[in-house]
Each structure stands twice: as C-alpha cells, then as structure tokens.
N, C-alpha and C. Protein backbone atom coordinates (compact mmCIF):
# COMPACT_ATOMS: atom_id res chain seq x y z
N MET A 1 0.88 -1.36 -0.08
CA MET A 1 0.06 -0.17 -0.11
C MET A 1 1.14 1.13 -0.14
N ILE A 2 1.68 1.46 1.20
CA ILE A 2 2.79 2.58 0.54
C ILE A 2 3.88 2.68 -0.63
N LYS A 3 4.15 1.79 -1.04
CA LYS A 3 4.46 1.99 -2.15
C LYS A 3 3.49 2.75 -3.24
N LYS A 4 2.28 2.09 -2.97
CA LYS A 4 1.28 2.86 -4.23
C LYS A 4 1.27 4.33 -4.09
N ILE A 5 1.18 4.43 -2.87
CA ILE A 5 1.14 6.10 -2.23
C ILE A 5 2.06 6.95 -2.92
N ILE A 6 3.54 6.35 -2.54
CA ILE A 6 4.71 7.11 -3.05
C ILE A 6 4.52 7.02 -4.62
N GLY A 7 4.20 5.89 -5.48
CA GLY A 7 4.19 5.91 -6.74
C GLY A 7 3.73 7.24 -7.20
N VAL A 8 2.19 7.30 -6.56
CA VAL A 8 1.05 8.53 -6.97
C VAL A 8 1.33 9.54 -6.51
N TYR A 9 2.37 9.62 -5.72
CA TYR A 9 2.60 11.29 -5.10
C TYR A 9 3.68 11.40 -5.96
N SER A 10 4.69 10.26 -6.87
CA SER A 10 5.49 10.88 -7.32
C SER A 10 5.43 10.87 -8.63
N VAL A 11 4.30 10.37 -9.27
CA VAL A 11 3.48 10.89 -10.51
C VAL A 11 3.02 12.22 -10.75
N PHE A 12 2.22 12.59 -9.47
CA PHE A 12 2.05 13.87 -9.20
C PHE A 12 2.46 15.02 -9.35
N LEU A 13 4.03 14.50 -8.74
CA LEU A 13 4.97 15.73 -8.24
C LEU A 13 5.43 15.96 -9.68
N GLY A 14 5.80 14.73 -10.18
CA GLY A 14 6.37 14.78 -12.15
C GLY A 14 6.01 15.69 -13.24
N VAL A 15 4.22 15.64 -12.92
CA VAL A 15 3.40 16.08 -13.70
C VAL A 15 3.03 17.32 -13.14
N SER A 16 3.43 17.45 -11.86
CA SER A 16 3.01 18.81 -11.49
C SER A 16 3.83 20.33 -11.73
N ILE A 17 5.27 19.50 -11.88
CA ILE A 17 6.50 20.55 -11.92
C ILE A 17 6.59 20.89 -13.16
N ILE A 18 6.50 19.63 -13.97
CA ILE A 18 6.38 19.99 -15.51
C ILE A 18 5.63 21.13 -16.27
N GLY A 19 3.89 20.93 -15.31
CA GLY A 19 3.09 21.65 -15.35
C GLY A 19 3.60 23.14 -14.82
N MET A 20 3.77 22.95 -14.05
CA MET A 20 4.34 24.49 -13.42
C MET A 20 5.25 25.07 -14.31
N TRP A 21 6.17 24.70 -14.86
CA TRP A 21 7.07 25.28 -15.49
C TRP A 21 6.76 25.85 -16.85
N ILE A 22 5.91 24.91 -17.64
CA ILE A 22 5.03 25.27 -18.81
C ILE A 22 4.12 27.09 -18.98
N MET A 23 3.84 26.48 -17.41
CA MET A 23 2.75 28.08 -17.15
C MET A 23 3.78 28.97 -16.73
N ILE A 24 4.62 28.76 -16.13
CA ILE A 24 5.64 29.86 -15.51
C ILE A 24 6.16 30.45 -16.90
N LEU A 25 6.83 29.26 -17.97
CA LEU A 25 7.64 29.84 -19.40
C LEU A 25 6.54 30.75 -20.16
N SER A 26 4.86 30.44 -20.13
CA SER A 26 4.15 30.84 -21.22
C SER A 26 3.45 32.39 -20.46
N THR A 27 3.58 32.67 -19.24
CA THR A 27 3.06 33.59 -18.39
C THR A 27 3.95 34.47 -18.09
N GLU A 28 5.22 34.16 -17.54
CA GLU A 28 5.83 35.61 -16.77
C GLU A 28 6.96 35.46 -17.47
N GLY A 29 7.82 36.85 -17.30
CA GLY A 29 9.28 37.14 -17.77
C GLY A 29 10.34 36.53 -17.05
N ILE A 30 11.33 35.64 -17.90
CA ILE A 30 12.22 35.34 -16.79
C ILE A 30 13.11 35.92 -16.87
N THR A 31 13.94 36.45 -15.61
CA THR A 31 14.82 37.47 -15.39
C THR A 31 16.44 37.22 -15.52
N GLU A 32 16.07 35.47 -15.14
CA GLU A 32 17.99 35.29 -15.02
C GLU A 32 18.28 35.30 -16.25
N GLY A 33 19.61 35.06 -16.48
CA GLY A 33 20.21 34.74 -17.80
C GLY A 33 19.90 33.61 -18.88
N ASN A 34 20.02 33.68 -20.14
CA ASN A 34 20.31 32.62 -21.05
C ASN A 34 20.79 31.29 -20.35
N THR A 35 21.94 31.40 -19.77
CA THR A 35 22.65 30.15 -19.57
C THR A 35 22.43 29.73 -17.94
N GLU A 36 21.74 30.91 -17.07
CA GLU A 36 21.36 30.12 -15.88
C GLU A 36 20.43 29.09 -16.01
N ILE A 37 19.27 30.42 -16.79
CA ILE A 37 18.11 29.44 -17.05
C ILE A 37 18.37 28.07 -17.64
N THR A 38 18.80 28.31 -18.41
CA THR A 38 19.02 26.57 -19.35
C THR A 38 19.40 25.60 -18.16
N PHE A 39 20.45 25.76 -17.53
CA PHE A 39 20.79 24.92 -16.36
C PHE A 39 19.69 24.60 -15.64
N HIS A 40 19.12 25.52 -14.99
CA HIS A 40 18.09 25.30 -14.04
C HIS A 40 16.80 24.69 -14.48
N LEU A 41 16.38 25.09 -16.06
CA LEU A 41 15.77 24.20 -16.66
C LEU A 41 15.76 22.64 -17.04
N ALA A 42 16.70 22.38 -17.18
CA ALA A 42 17.52 21.51 -17.30
C ALA A 42 17.43 20.19 -15.98
N SER A 43 17.60 20.82 -14.97
CA SER A 43 17.65 20.23 -13.66
C SER A 43 16.54 19.76 -12.99
N GLU A 44 15.78 21.03 -13.55
CA GLU A 44 13.79 20.96 -12.95
C GLU A 44 13.37 19.71 -13.69
N PHE A 45 13.92 19.90 -15.20
CA PHE A 45 12.96 18.91 -15.96
C PHE A 45 13.49 17.45 -15.55
N THR A 46 14.56 17.20 -15.39
CA THR A 46 15.48 15.93 -14.64
C THR A 46 14.58 15.47 -13.74
N MET A 47 14.25 16.51 -12.46
CA MET A 47 14.20 16.25 -11.05
C MET A 47 12.35 15.42 -11.82
N ALA A 48 12.03 16.50 -12.37
CA ALA A 48 10.37 15.87 -12.87
C ALA A 48 10.50 14.92 -13.58
N LEU A 49 10.74 14.32 -14.38
CA LEU A 49 11.19 12.71 -15.22
C LEU A 49 11.39 11.88 -14.30
N PHE A 50 12.77 11.94 -13.38
CA PHE A 50 12.76 11.26 -12.15
C PHE A 50 11.86 10.87 -11.39
N CYS A 51 11.23 11.93 -11.07
CA CYS A 51 9.78 11.54 -9.97
C CYS A 51 8.57 11.05 -11.11
N LEU A 52 8.03 11.71 -12.16
CA LEU A 52 7.42 10.80 -13.27
C LEU A 52 7.50 9.17 -13.27
N ILE A 53 8.79 8.86 -13.72
CA ILE A 53 9.23 7.87 -14.21
C ILE A 53 9.19 6.82 -13.30
N SER A 54 9.74 7.12 -12.23
CA SER A 54 10.13 5.97 -10.74
C SER A 54 8.90 5.59 -10.29
N GLY A 55 7.72 6.81 -10.15
CA GLY A 55 6.42 6.91 -9.86
C GLY A 55 5.63 5.38 -10.55
N ILE A 56 5.92 5.75 -11.83
CA ILE A 56 5.06 5.00 -12.70
C ILE A 56 5.96 3.34 -12.86
N MET A 57 6.85 3.49 -12.40
CA MET A 57 7.76 2.17 -12.34
C MET A 57 7.44 1.40 -10.70
N LEU A 58 7.39 1.98 -9.71
CA LEU A 58 6.66 1.83 -8.64
C LEU A 58 5.45 1.25 -8.68
N LEU A 59 4.33 2.22 -9.11
CA LEU A 59 3.32 1.40 -9.49
C LEU A 59 3.10 0.10 -10.14
N LYS A 60 4.18 0.05 -11.27
CA LYS A 60 4.28 -1.48 -12.07
C LYS A 60 5.15 -2.40 -11.31
N ASN A 61 5.47 -2.37 -10.22
CA ASN A 61 6.75 -2.85 -9.44
C ASN A 61 8.05 -3.59 -10.31
N MET A 62 8.29 -2.32 -11.05
CA MET A 62 9.65 -2.44 -11.92
C MET A 62 10.81 -2.67 -10.87
N ARG A 63 11.69 -3.24 -11.53
CA ARG A 63 13.11 -3.45 -10.94
C ARG A 63 13.72 -2.14 -11.00
N HIS A 64 14.18 -1.54 -9.69
CA HIS A 64 15.03 -0.35 -10.17
C HIS A 64 14.17 1.08 -9.60
N SER A 65 12.97 0.99 -9.43
CA SER A 65 11.98 2.11 -9.33
C SER A 65 12.20 2.46 -7.57
N LYS A 66 13.00 2.01 -6.90
CA LYS A 66 13.22 3.12 -5.56
C LYS A 66 14.28 3.27 -5.56
N GLU A 67 15.65 3.49 -6.42
CA GLU A 67 16.58 3.72 -6.56
C GLU A 67 16.02 5.17 -7.43
N ILE A 68 15.59 5.22 -8.18
CA ILE A 68 15.17 6.05 -9.17
C ILE A 68 14.77 6.75 -8.56
N ASN A 69 13.56 6.63 -7.76
CA ASN A 69 12.82 6.92 -7.01
C ASN A 69 13.51 8.29 -5.80
N ILE A 70 14.69 7.43 -5.07
CA ILE A 70 15.33 8.05 -4.00
C ILE A 70 16.06 9.19 -4.76
N LEU A 71 16.67 9.01 -5.91
CA LEU A 71 17.61 9.83 -6.72
C LEU A 71 16.31 10.98 -7.05
N GLY A 72 15.21 11.13 -7.50
CA GLY A 72 14.13 12.07 -8.03
C GLY A 72 14.05 12.58 -6.33
N HIS A 73 13.51 12.44 -5.31
CA HIS A 73 13.09 12.82 -4.63
C HIS A 73 14.21 13.88 -3.36
N GLY A 74 15.45 12.90 -3.54
CA GLY A 74 16.69 13.83 -3.24
C GLY A 74 16.72 15.49 -3.60
N MET A 75 16.53 15.00 -5.23
CA MET A 75 16.49 16.47 -6.03
C MET A 75 15.78 17.02 -6.14
N VAL A 76 14.41 16.83 -5.59
CA VAL A 76 12.73 17.89 -4.91
C VAL A 76 13.36 18.38 -4.15
N LEU A 77 14.34 17.77 -3.18
CA LEU A 77 14.54 18.56 -1.71
C LEU A 77 15.29 19.47 -1.70
N TYR A 78 16.50 19.60 -2.73
CA TYR A 78 17.11 20.37 -2.77
C TYR A 78 16.30 21.81 -3.60
N SER A 79 15.57 21.23 -4.85
CA SER A 79 14.98 22.29 -5.66
C SER A 79 13.87 22.82 -4.85
N VAL A 80 13.08 22.26 -3.58
CA VAL A 80 11.67 22.69 -2.91
C VAL A 80 12.75 24.01 -1.38
N ILE A 81 13.83 23.83 -1.39
CA ILE A 81 14.51 24.37 -0.42
C ILE A 81 15.24 25.89 -1.15
N ASN A 82 15.53 25.53 -2.48
CA ASN A 82 15.89 26.90 -3.37
C ASN A 82 14.71 27.95 -3.74
N ALA A 83 13.63 27.13 -4.39
CA ALA A 83 12.79 28.09 -4.66
C ALA A 83 11.81 28.37 -3.75
N ALA A 84 11.64 27.68 -2.01
CA ALA A 84 11.44 28.62 -1.02
C ALA A 84 12.05 29.70 -0.83
N GLY A 85 13.29 29.72 -0.84
CA GLY A 85 14.28 31.13 -0.71
C GLY A 85 13.99 32.20 -1.43
N TYR A 86 13.97 31.65 -2.67
CA TYR A 86 13.14 32.43 -4.12
C TYR A 86 12.12 33.15 -3.54
N TYR A 87 11.19 32.60 -3.40
CA TYR A 87 9.89 32.99 -3.35
C TYR A 87 9.80 33.51 -2.12
N GLY A 88 10.24 33.38 -0.71
CA GLY A 88 10.08 34.12 0.06
C GLY A 88 10.90 35.40 0.12
N GLU A 89 12.26 35.42 -0.36
CA GLU A 89 12.49 37.07 -0.87
C GLU A 89 11.87 37.97 -1.67
N ARG A 90 10.86 37.23 -2.30
CA ARG A 90 9.87 37.73 -3.02
C ARG A 90 8.66 38.37 -2.44
N GLY A 91 8.16 37.89 -1.16
CA GLY A 91 7.42 37.58 -0.23
C GLY A 91 6.25 37.00 -0.24
N ASP A 92 6.64 36.22 -1.20
CA ASP A 92 5.26 35.07 -1.79
C ASP A 92 5.10 33.88 -0.66
N SER A 93 4.36 34.16 0.56
CA SER A 93 3.85 33.50 1.95
C SER A 93 3.36 32.18 0.95
N PRO A 94 2.12 32.20 0.35
CA PRO A 94 1.89 30.82 -0.03
C PRO A 94 2.55 29.90 -0.76
N PHE A 95 3.63 30.45 -1.85
CA PHE A 95 4.79 29.49 -1.96
C PHE A 95 5.48 28.90 -1.52
N VAL A 96 6.02 29.71 -0.55
CA VAL A 96 6.80 29.20 1.06
C VAL A 96 6.23 27.86 1.47
N VAL A 97 5.08 28.40 2.05
CA VAL A 97 4.23 27.04 2.57
C VAL A 97 3.96 25.95 1.83
N MET A 98 3.72 25.95 0.35
CA MET A 98 3.37 24.75 -0.46
C MET A 98 4.97 24.21 -0.58
N PHE A 99 6.03 24.92 -0.74
CA PHE A 99 7.39 24.00 -0.55
C PHE A 99 7.96 23.58 0.29
N LEU A 100 7.38 23.80 1.29
CA LEU A 100 7.49 23.36 2.83
C LEU A 100 7.07 21.93 2.84
N ILE A 101 5.88 22.39 2.64
CA ILE A 101 4.56 21.08 2.41
C ILE A 101 5.35 19.87 1.82
N ILE A 102 5.68 20.33 0.12
CA ILE A 102 6.02 18.99 -0.54
C ILE A 102 8.09 18.53 0.05
N PHE A 103 8.05 19.65 0.74
CA PHE A 103 9.67 19.03 1.33
C PHE A 103 9.46 17.93 2.04
N CYS A 104 8.28 18.10 3.31
CA CYS A 104 7.57 17.32 4.08
C CYS A 104 7.45 16.16 3.64
N LEU A 105 6.92 16.05 2.85
CA LEU A 105 6.21 14.71 1.84
C LEU A 105 7.02 14.09 1.19
N SER A 106 8.10 14.76 0.62
CA SER A 106 9.35 13.90 -0.12
C SER A 106 10.03 13.51 0.73
N THR A 107 10.58 14.18 2.26
CA THR A 107 11.74 13.71 3.16
C THR A 107 11.06 12.30 3.55
N ALA A 108 9.69 12.03 3.91
CA ALA A 108 9.08 11.27 4.45
C ALA A 108 9.02 10.09 3.26
N SER A 109 8.79 10.13 2.22
CA SER A 109 8.81 9.44 1.17
C SER A 109 10.19 8.65 0.64
N LEU A 110 11.61 9.58 1.38
CA LEU A 110 12.53 8.95 1.36
C LEU A 110 13.11 8.30 2.55
N PHE A 111 12.48 8.58 3.53
CA PHE A 111 13.17 7.83 4.71
C PHE A 111 12.06 6.84 4.78
N ILE A 112 10.99 6.60 3.95
CA ILE A 112 10.10 5.45 4.01
C ILE A 112 11.16 4.37 2.84
N SER A 113 11.22 4.79 1.99
CA SER A 113 12.36 4.32 0.67
C SER A 113 13.03 3.71 1.25
N VAL A 114 13.96 4.83 2.06
CA VAL A 114 15.60 4.20 2.40
C VAL A 114 15.38 2.97 3.77
N LYS A 115 14.18 3.18 5.04
CA LYS A 115 14.48 2.35 5.52
C LYS A 115 13.43 0.77 5.26
N ASN A 116 12.32 0.85 4.42
CA ASN A 116 11.87 -0.62 4.23
C ASN A 116 11.97 -0.72 2.56
N SER A 117 11.86 -1.27 1.94
CA SER A 117 12.18 -2.27 1.07
C SER A 117 10.75 -2.09 -0.16
N ILE A 118 10.42 -1.01 -0.20
CA ILE A 118 9.04 -0.76 -1.34
C ILE A 118 9.28 -1.10 -2.16
C-alpha cells in the first residue's frame, strides 16, 4: 500500500513540476540569464522526469524503481529549499508554505523508501 502511495505522489509531483514550468514560461518573464535559466530548467525537468518515471515504475513493481525514486526525491529536496528561498525573498508566503509541505512529503517518502524495501 505504501509503495502505491509513494508512486502516485511521485507521478503527481513529476506532472505538477512540468506543468508549473510550462505555465511559468508561457506567462511570466524570466529574469535570469540564458545560461542560468537553461541549466536551471534542465535540472528541474530532469527532477520531474525522475519522479514521474520512478512513480510509474513503482506502480508497476518494476526493477530499480526504488533507487530512481530516491534519486528523484533527493533532487526535490534541494529544489524546494531553493524555491522556498526565492519565493520567500519575493514575499510570496503561500508558495513558501507549499514548498515546505512538498519538502516534508518528499522527506517522508525518502525515509520510508530507504528504511523499507518498498
């Protein structure tokens, strides 16, 4: 059961990250330089794909799903800490709260994955 919950959460997170970036890129101006945003987007989409693919793999009980999921959620932890700082600097408290919730859920997912053989 816990494997299914983590799998669904991972798929949801991957799809949400991709959707968020599509929305940001189509509606907001990006203030970062071209090189900076290119590398940032590469890391964000890599993280989203790791979460999405590992979530599907978990749901299908595929080999190495746990390891890929751990990698994806490790990337999520770094990303949400960074994003919370960015939005906190802008005074956007609802986003900071959202990123802290994601941090807690992904941390729990990591602990469960590492402790148990999900």
